[in-house]
Amino acid sequence: MKPPLSRELQLLLRALSAPLDTDITTWERLLRLARMTALHGRLAAANRDNPTLPAPVRRHLLSAERVCAFNNQMLRAELTELAALCDGSFPVLVVKGGAYALQGQRFARGRFVSDVDLLVPRDHLRAMEQGLRAAGWVPAQLDPYDERYYRDWSHETPPMRFPGRFLEVDLHHAITPVTGSLCFDPAQLFDASVLLADSPFRVLSAEDQVLHACVHCFQDGDLALRVREVVDIDGLVRAAATQDGFWKRLLERAGQLGLQLPLWYGLHFAHAWMETPLAPGALDALPGPSTLSRSLMDRLVPLAMLPHDPDHPPPAPVRVARLAMLARYHLQRMPPSMLVPHLARKAALRLRGRFTRTPAQKTESQP
């Protein structure tokens, strides 16, 4: 069963890699769908020299292109400042959007970022965090319980931001939560990482970048409007597939790290929606989901991940699918014995906060 895709979404995904020739009414819908999924920058990059664009559409895409250029400038400025903190005593990896930009990945043109993700060995996490604090980065203010959640159960520290800047810095010591069902020793990622030329930063190997994108989407995400993650998977696979032996290394690496299932989902949906070229038998070589799980995911993932009609609120099937994927996300991050008390504690804190707000706070929260 192939996961369904509407004609409009087929056009949108096609327009991310090649100029699209269509009428202004269709363009108007595509622009709105692209903004819902943060893909409007990529849409602008792919259609920059499209001679068939109606004038109003060209203005919208030019605006998206300029905003994305500013976003990229802020990213590179942040990375320059962060590079000064890397003294070579331990590896510092840039992952996800920052890595794609530093590597000059073709699919990263027009890609918006909201944070800079760094990955350091856990033994050096405190040193890197202290270095960031000393240089002016300020951690998010959290209550003691959320602070403990980050420190003991997550795979990252609380997000940090330099005052006056737009981007957060997320400092990771692994790519899966320590309480997650697919937790593994991240030392293997550092051993295979690649040093960037003329930079103190390292990046994940090509195989590990694909696996990380699949894990981030299908293991560590709620999938709501996350079709951009599948677009990233497609771009990473297309960029690396030209390397000799890539597919053999990718499948072996997934087995070494125990990440075959998120890889299967990532390749499955990328191939179905983006026509990502796969090696013959690649999916069959992976221990994929059960027939029931695959059937459920093929029905629920498109509803949760793909944008709905922008003229109306999400219909009931979409809301149900997103709720189901949110439940799946939580169950993959924590075993039920930890998850139930955690959610009960969070609900109690939220309820208590609602009843202990001052009159002034209640007034400020009103629209």
Protein backbone atom coordinates (compact mmCIF):
# COMPACT_ATOMS: atom_id res chain seq x y z
CA MET A 1 0.00 0.00 0.00
CA LYS A 2 1.43 3.34 -1.06
CA PRO A 3 0.84 6.22 1.41
CA PRO A 4 -1.66 8.60 -0.25
CA LEU A 5 -0.67 11.99 -1.58
CA SER A 6 -3.04 14.58 -3.04
CA ARG A 7 -2.39 16.21 -6.40
CA GLU A 8 -1.59 19.55 -4.74
CA LEU A 9 0.97 17.97 -2.44
CA GLN A 10 2.47 16.06 -5.35
CA LEU A 11 2.91 19.38 -7.14
CA LEU A 12 4.41 21.01 -4.05
CA LEU A 13 6.99 18.26 -3.50
CA ARG A 14 7.84 18.27 -7.22
CA ALA A 15 8.28 22.05 -7.15
CA LEU A 16 10.93 21.74 -4.40
CA SER A 17 13.43 20.30 -6.85
CA ALA A 18 12.42 21.68 -10.25
CA PRO A 19 10.61 24.76 -11.62
CA LEU A 20 6.85 24.33 -11.78
CA ASP A 21 4.58 25.65 -14.52
CA THR A 22 1.00 26.00 -13.27
CA ASP A 23 -1.77 28.57 -12.95
CA ILE A 24 -1.91 31.31 -10.31
CA THR A 25 -4.80 29.69 -8.43
CA THR A 26 -2.79 26.51 -7.92
CA TRP A 27 0.26 28.55 -6.95
CA GLU A 28 -1.77 30.35 -4.31
CA ARG A 29 -2.65 27.01 -2.69
CA LEU A 30 0.89 25.71 -2.98
CA LEU A 31 2.33 28.81 -1.29
CA ARG A 32 -0.01 28.40 1.65
CA LEU A 33 0.75 24.69 2.00
CA ALA A 34 4.48 25.44 1.78
CA ARG A 35 4.27 28.01 4.57
CA MET A 36 2.36 25.56 6.77
CA THR A 37 5.27 23.13 6.48
CA ALA A 38 8.19 25.64 6.45
CA LEU A 39 9.01 24.64 2.88
CA HIS A 40 8.44 28.05 1.26
CA GLY A 41 12.16 28.86 1.29
CA ARG A 42 12.97 25.69 -0.60
CA LEU A 43 10.11 26.38 -2.99
CA ALA A 44 11.62 29.80 -3.66
CA ALA A 45 15.12 28.40 -4.20
CA ALA A 46 13.94 25.79 -6.70
CA ASN A 47 11.85 28.32 -8.68
CA ARG A 48 14.21 31.29 -8.52
CA ASP A 49 14.77 31.36 -12.29
CA ASN A 50 11.36 30.05 -13.27
CA PRO A 51 10.20 32.21 -16.20
CA THR A 52 6.58 31.04 -15.94
CA LEU A 53 5.94 32.45 -12.44
CA PRO A 54 3.02 34.89 -12.22
CA ALA A 55 4.17 38.25 -10.88
CA PRO A 56 2.35 37.99 -7.50
CA VAL A 57 3.84 34.53 -6.91
CA ARG A 58 7.31 35.78 -7.79
CA ARG A 59 6.98 38.52 -5.15
CA HIS A 60 5.97 36.01 -2.48
CA LEU A 61 8.88 33.71 -3.36
CA LEU A 62 11.31 36.62 -3.43
CA SER A 63 10.20 37.55 0.07
CA ALA A 64 10.73 33.96 1.25
CA GLU A 65 14.16 33.91 -0.39
CA ARG A 66 15.25 37.10 1.39
CA VAL A 67 13.98 35.92 4.77
CA CYS A 68 15.82 32.65 4.26
CA ALA A 69 19.02 34.49 3.31
CA PHE A 70 18.78 36.45 6.57
CA ASN A 71 18.15 33.22 8.47
CA ASN A 72 21.22 31.64 6.87
CA GLN A 73 23.32 34.71 7.70
CA MET A 74 22.28 34.44 11.36
CA LEU A 75 23.14 30.73 11.33
CA ARG A 76 26.63 31.32 9.98
CA ALA A 77 27.23 34.17 12.44
CA GLU A 78 26.20 31.91 15.32
CA LEU A 79 28.45 29.12 14.07
CA THR A 80 31.38 31.55 13.81
CA GLU A 81 30.92 32.56 17.44
CA LEU A 82 30.57 28.94 18.54
CA ALA A 83 33.71 27.94 16.65
CA ALA A 84 35.74 30.14 19.00
CA LEU A 85 34.76 27.83 21.87
CA CYS A 86 36.17 24.71 20.18
CA ASP A 87 39.75 24.22 21.41
CA GLY A 88 40.20 20.73 19.96
CA SER A 89 40.26 18.95 23.31
CA PHE A 90 37.10 17.03 22.38
CA PRO A 91 35.05 16.65 19.21
CA VAL A 92 32.21 19.08 18.57
CA LEU A 93 29.80 17.98 15.86
CA VAL A 94 27.31 20.23 14.11
CA VAL A 95 24.22 18.22 13.20
CA LYS A 96 21.05 18.70 11.17
CA GLY A 97 20.49 22.10 9.53
CA GLY A 98 23.78 23.67 10.60
CA ALA A 99 25.72 20.71 9.20
CA TYR A 100 23.84 20.80 5.91
CA ALA A 101 24.67 24.50 5.53
CA LEU A 102 28.37 24.05 6.38
CA GLN A 103 28.64 21.17 3.93
CA GLY A 104 26.95 23.18 1.19
CA GLN A 105 24.32 20.51 0.66
CA ARG A 106 22.24 21.31 -2.39
CA PHE A 107 18.95 20.48 -0.67
CA ALA A 108 19.78 22.97 2.12
CA ARG A 109 19.24 25.95 -0.18
CA GLY A 110 16.15 27.70 1.12
CA ARG A 111 16.01 25.59 4.27
CA PHE A 112 15.05 27.55 7.39
CA VAL A 113 16.62 26.78 10.76
CA SER A 114 15.41 27.74 14.22
CA ASP A 115 18.39 26.52 16.21
CA VAL A 116 21.97 25.30 16.06
CA ASP A 117 22.37 21.67 17.11
CA LEU A 118 25.72 20.59 18.56
CA LEU A 119 26.74 17.09 19.58
CA VAL A 120 29.56 16.51 22.08
CA PRO A 121 30.61 13.46 24.14
CA ARG A 122 28.69 13.20 27.39
CA ASP A 123 31.91 13.36 29.43
CA HIS A 124 32.52 16.83 27.97
CA LEU A 125 28.94 18.07 28.07
CA ARG A 126 29.39 20.10 31.25
CA ALA A 127 32.61 21.70 29.97
CA MET A 128 30.93 22.78 26.73
CA GLU A 129 27.90 24.07 28.60
CA GLN A 130 30.08 26.07 30.99
CA GLY A 131 32.00 27.48 28.04
CA LEU A 132 28.76 28.64 26.45
CA ARG A 133 27.62 30.24 29.68
CA ALA A 134 30.95 32.02 30.14
CA ALA A 135 30.76 33.35 26.58
CA GLY A 136 27.29 34.83 27.15
CA TRP A 137 24.79 32.14 26.17
CA VAL A 138 21.93 31.92 28.66
CA PRO A 139 19.97 28.70 29.32
CA ALA A 140 16.18 28.63 29.25
CA GLN A 141 14.60 29.18 32.66
CA LEU A 142 12.93 25.93 33.68
CA ASP A 143 11.30 24.64 36.81
CA PRO A 144 13.28 22.02 38.78
CA TYR A 145 11.30 19.10 37.35
CA ASP A 146 11.91 20.11 33.71
CA GLU A 147 15.56 20.74 34.52
CA ARG A 148 15.82 17.21 35.87
CA TYR A 149 14.05 15.87 32.79
CA TYR A 150 16.71 17.37 30.55
CA ARG A 151 19.63 16.35 32.76
CA ASP A 152 18.63 12.78 33.59
CA TRP A 153 16.28 11.51 30.91
CA SER A 154 16.83 13.46 27.71
CA HIS A 155 19.72 13.49 25.25
CA GLU A 156 20.36 17.23 25.48
CA THR A 157 20.72 20.12 27.89
CA PRO A 158 18.14 22.91 28.21
CA PRO A 159 18.29 25.16 25.13
CA MET A 160 20.51 28.24 25.30
CA ARG A 161 20.34 31.58 23.57
CA PHE A 162 22.66 34.56 23.34
CA PRO A 163 20.68 37.68 24.34
CA GLY A 164 19.52 39.62 21.29
CA ARG A 165 20.07 36.78 18.83
CA PHE A 166 17.46 34.80 16.95
CA LEU A 167 18.74 31.22 17.11
CA GLU A 168 18.87 28.83 20.03
CA VAL A 169 21.78 26.48 20.67
CA ASP A 170 20.78 22.91 21.50
CA LEU A 171 23.61 20.95 23.06
CA HIS A 172 23.27 17.18 22.64
CA HIS A 173 25.28 14.21 23.92
CA ALA A 174 23.33 11.59 21.90
CA ILE A 175 20.76 11.45 19.11
CA THR A 176 18.25 9.35 21.07
CA PRO A 177 16.94 9.93 24.62
CA VAL A 178 18.74 7.87 27.24
CA THR A 179 15.37 6.42 28.27
CA GLY A 180 14.27 5.73 24.69
CA SER A 181 13.59 2.36 23.17
CA LEU A 182 16.42 2.71 20.63
CA CYS A 183 19.11 4.17 22.89
CA PHE A 184 22.68 3.18 21.90
CA ASP A 185 26.25 4.20 22.71
CA PRO A 186 26.84 7.47 20.79
CA ALA A 187 30.63 6.97 20.89
CA GLN A 188 30.22 5.17 17.57
CA LEU A 189 28.95 8.40 15.99
CA PHE A 190 32.03 10.35 17.08
CA ASP A 191 34.38 7.60 15.86
CA ALA A 192 32.92 7.78 12.35
CA SER A 193 32.51 11.58 12.21
CA VAL A 194 34.19 13.72 9.57
CA LEU A 195 36.25 16.87 10.17
CA LEU A 196 35.17 19.80 8.02
CA ALA A 197 37.85 21.62 6.05
CA ASP A 198 38.97 24.94 7.57
CA SER A 199 36.67 24.44 10.55
CA PRO A 200 36.95 23.14 14.13
CA PHE A 201 33.62 21.39 13.70
CA ARG A 202 32.96 17.84 12.68
CA VAL A 203 29.83 16.35 11.07
CA LEU A 204 28.30 12.90 11.09
CA SER A 205 29.27 10.48 8.36
CA ALA A 206 26.94 10.33 5.36
CA GLU A 207 25.35 7.11 6.63
CA ASP A 208 24.88 8.49 10.14
CA GLN A 209 23.34 11.69 8.78
CA VAL A 210 20.66 9.66 6.98
CA LEU A 211 20.04 7.57 10.09
CA HIS A 212 19.87 10.67 12.30
CA ALA A 213 17.32 12.29 9.99
CA CYS A 214 15.19 9.13 10.07
CA VAL A 215 15.48 8.86 13.86
CA HIS A 216 14.66 12.54 14.34
CA CYS A 217 11.54 12.17 12.22
CA PHE A 218 10.16 8.72 12.98
CA GLN A 219 11.57 7.98 16.44
CA ASP A 220 11.97 11.35 18.15
CA GLY A 221 9.16 13.42 16.65
CA ASP A 222 5.39 13.70 16.85
CA LEU A 223 5.17 13.96 13.01
CA ALA A 224 2.71 16.88 13.03
CA LEU A 225 3.38 18.79 9.78
CA ARG A 226 6.88 17.26 9.65
CA VAL A 227 6.96 16.56 5.92
CA ARG A 228 10.09 18.75 5.76
CA GLU A 229 11.90 15.95 7.60
CA VAL A 230 11.08 13.55 4.75
CA VAL A 231 12.34 16.16 2.29
CA ASP A 232 15.63 16.21 4.24
CA ILE A 233 15.88 12.42 4.11
CA ASP A 234 15.38 12.54 0.36
CA GLY A 235 18.10 15.18 -0.04
CA LEU A 236 20.59 13.30 2.13
CA VAL A 237 20.04 10.02 0.32
CA ARG A 238 20.35 11.62 -3.12
CA ALA A 239 23.58 13.38 -2.06
CA ALA A 240 25.19 10.24 -0.63
CA ALA A 241 23.89 7.58 -3.01
CA THR A 242 26.55 8.45 -5.59
CA GLN A 243 29.30 7.28 -3.20
CA ASP A 244 30.63 3.79 -3.87
CA GLY A 245 29.30 1.29 -1.38
CA PHE A 246 26.93 3.74 0.30
CA TRP A 247 23.92 1.44 0.44
CA LYS A 248 25.91 -1.47 1.84
CA ARG A 249 27.42 0.78 4.52
CA LEU A 250 24.04 2.35 5.35
CA LEU A 251 22.29 -0.97 5.89
CA GLU A 252 25.19 -2.35 7.93
CA ARG A 253 25.34 0.79 10.03
CA ALA A 254 21.61 0.65 10.75
CA GLY A 255 22.14 -2.87 12.04
CA GLN A 256 25.12 -1.87 14.19
CA LEU A 257 23.18 0.96 15.87
CA GLY A 258 19.83 -0.83 16.03
CA LEU A 259 18.14 1.80 13.85
CA GLN A 260 16.69 -0.41 11.10
CA LEU A 261 13.06 0.48 11.84
CA PRO A 262 13.33 4.30 11.64
CA LEU A 263 15.49 3.86 8.53
CA TRP A 264 12.80 1.66 6.97
CA TYR A 265 10.13 4.28 7.64
CA GLY A 266 12.34 7.10 6.38
CA LEU A 267 13.16 5.34 3.10
CA HIS A 268 9.59 4.08 2.69
CA PHE A 269 7.95 7.50 2.89
CA ALA A 270 10.72 9.33 1.03
CA HIS A 271 10.44 6.89 -1.86
CA ALA A 272 6.62 7.06 -1.85
CA TRP A 273 6.38 10.85 -1.75
CA MET A 274 9.65 12.15 -3.22
CA GLU A 275 10.49 9.24 -5.55
CA THR A 276 13.79 8.92 -3.71
CA PRO A 277 15.97 6.46 -5.65
CA LEU A 278 16.67 3.36 -3.56
CA ALA A 279 19.08 0.53 -4.16
CA PRO A 280 17.31 -2.63 -5.37
CA GLY A 281 16.08 -4.60 -2.37
CA ALA A 282 17.07 -1.93 0.16
CA LEU A 283 13.75 -1.97 2.01
CA ASP A 284 13.48 -5.75 1.82
CA ALA A 285 16.91 -6.04 3.43
CA LEU A 286 15.68 -4.19 6.53
CA PRO A 287 13.58 -5.79 9.28
CA GLY A 288 10.59 -3.54 8.75
CA PRO A 289 7.40 -3.14 10.76
CA SER A 290 4.69 -5.76 11.08
CA THR A 291 1.91 -5.79 8.53
CA LEU A 292 -0.47 -4.19 11.02
CA SER A 293 2.02 -1.46 12.03
CA ARG A 294 2.78 -0.66 8.42
CA SER A 295 -0.90 -0.43 7.56
CA LEU A 296 -1.57 1.88 10.51
CA MET A 297 1.42 4.09 9.75
CA ASP A 298 0.49 4.31 6.07
CA ARG A 299 -2.90 5.64 7.10
CA LEU A 300 -1.92 7.84 10.06
CA VAL A 301 1.41 9.38 8.98
CA PRO A 302 0.03 11.21 5.91
CA LEU A 303 -2.83 12.61 8.00
CA ALA A 304 -0.48 13.80 10.75
CA MET A 305 2.47 14.91 8.66
CA LEU A 306 1.02 16.44 5.53
CA PRO A 307 -0.70 19.86 5.58
CA HIS A 308 -4.47 19.91 5.53
CA ASP A 309 -6.78 22.35 3.74
CA PRO A 310 -5.49 25.81 4.76
CA ASP A 311 -9.00 27.27 4.59
CA HIS A 312 -10.34 25.10 7.40
CA PRO A 313 -9.23 23.84 10.82
CA PRO A 314 -7.85 20.29 10.95
CA PRO A 315 -10.68 17.78 10.43
CA ALA A 316 -11.36 15.03 12.97
CA PRO A 317 -9.26 12.33 11.21
CA VAL A 318 -6.23 14.66 11.21
CA ARG A 319 -6.66 15.48 14.90
CA VAL A 320 -6.98 11.79 15.76
CA ALA A 321 -3.89 10.92 13.71
CA ARG A 322 -1.81 13.63 15.35
CA LEU A 323 -2.95 12.49 18.79
CA ALA A 324 -2.00 8.90 17.93
CA MET A 325 1.42 9.97 16.67
CA LEU A 326 1.96 12.09 19.77
CA ALA A 327 1.18 9.05 21.95
CA ARG A 328 3.59 6.97 19.86
CA TYR A 329 6.28 9.64 20.27
CA HIS A 330 5.97 9.61 24.06
CA LEU A 331 5.97 5.81 24.27
CA GLN A 332 9.19 5.69 22.25
CA ARG A 333 10.91 8.19 24.53
CA MET A 334 10.02 6.52 27.84
CA PRO A 335 8.80 3.12 29.04
CA PRO A 336 5.24 3.20 30.43
CA SER A 337 6.52 2.84 34.01
CA MET A 338 8.25 6.21 33.62
CA LEU A 339 5.89 7.84 31.16
CA VAL A 340 2.70 7.60 33.20
CA PRO A 341 4.15 9.33 36.31
CA HIS A 342 5.88 11.88 34.05
CA LEU A 343 2.68 12.85 32.23
CA ALA A 344 0.71 12.89 35.49
CA ARG A 345 3.30 15.20 37.03
CA LYS A 346 3.25 17.53 34.02
CA ALA A 347 -0.55 17.63 34.02
CA ALA A 348 -0.62 18.42 37.74
CA LEU A 349 1.93 21.22 37.32
CA ARG A 350 -0.03 22.69 34.43
CA LEU A 351 -3.27 22.52 36.38
CA ARG A 352 -1.70 24.07 39.45
CA GLY A 353 -0.23 26.87 37.36
CA ARG A 354 -3.64 27.62 35.91
CA PHE A 355 -5.17 28.12 39.36
CA THR A 356 -2.25 29.96 40.96
CA ARG A 357 -1.83 32.72 38.37
CA THR A 358 -2.32 36.22 39.64
CA PRO A 359 -5.19 38.37 38.23
CA ALA A 360 -2.62 40.37 36.27
CA GLN A 361 -1.18 37.20 34.70
CA LYS A 362 -4.66 35.98 33.76
CA THR A 363 -5.40 39.31 32.07
CA GLU A 364 -2.11 39.20 30.14
CA SER A 365 -2.86 35.70 28.86
CA GLN A 366 -6.18 36.75 27.37
CA PRO A 367 -6.18 37.59 23.62
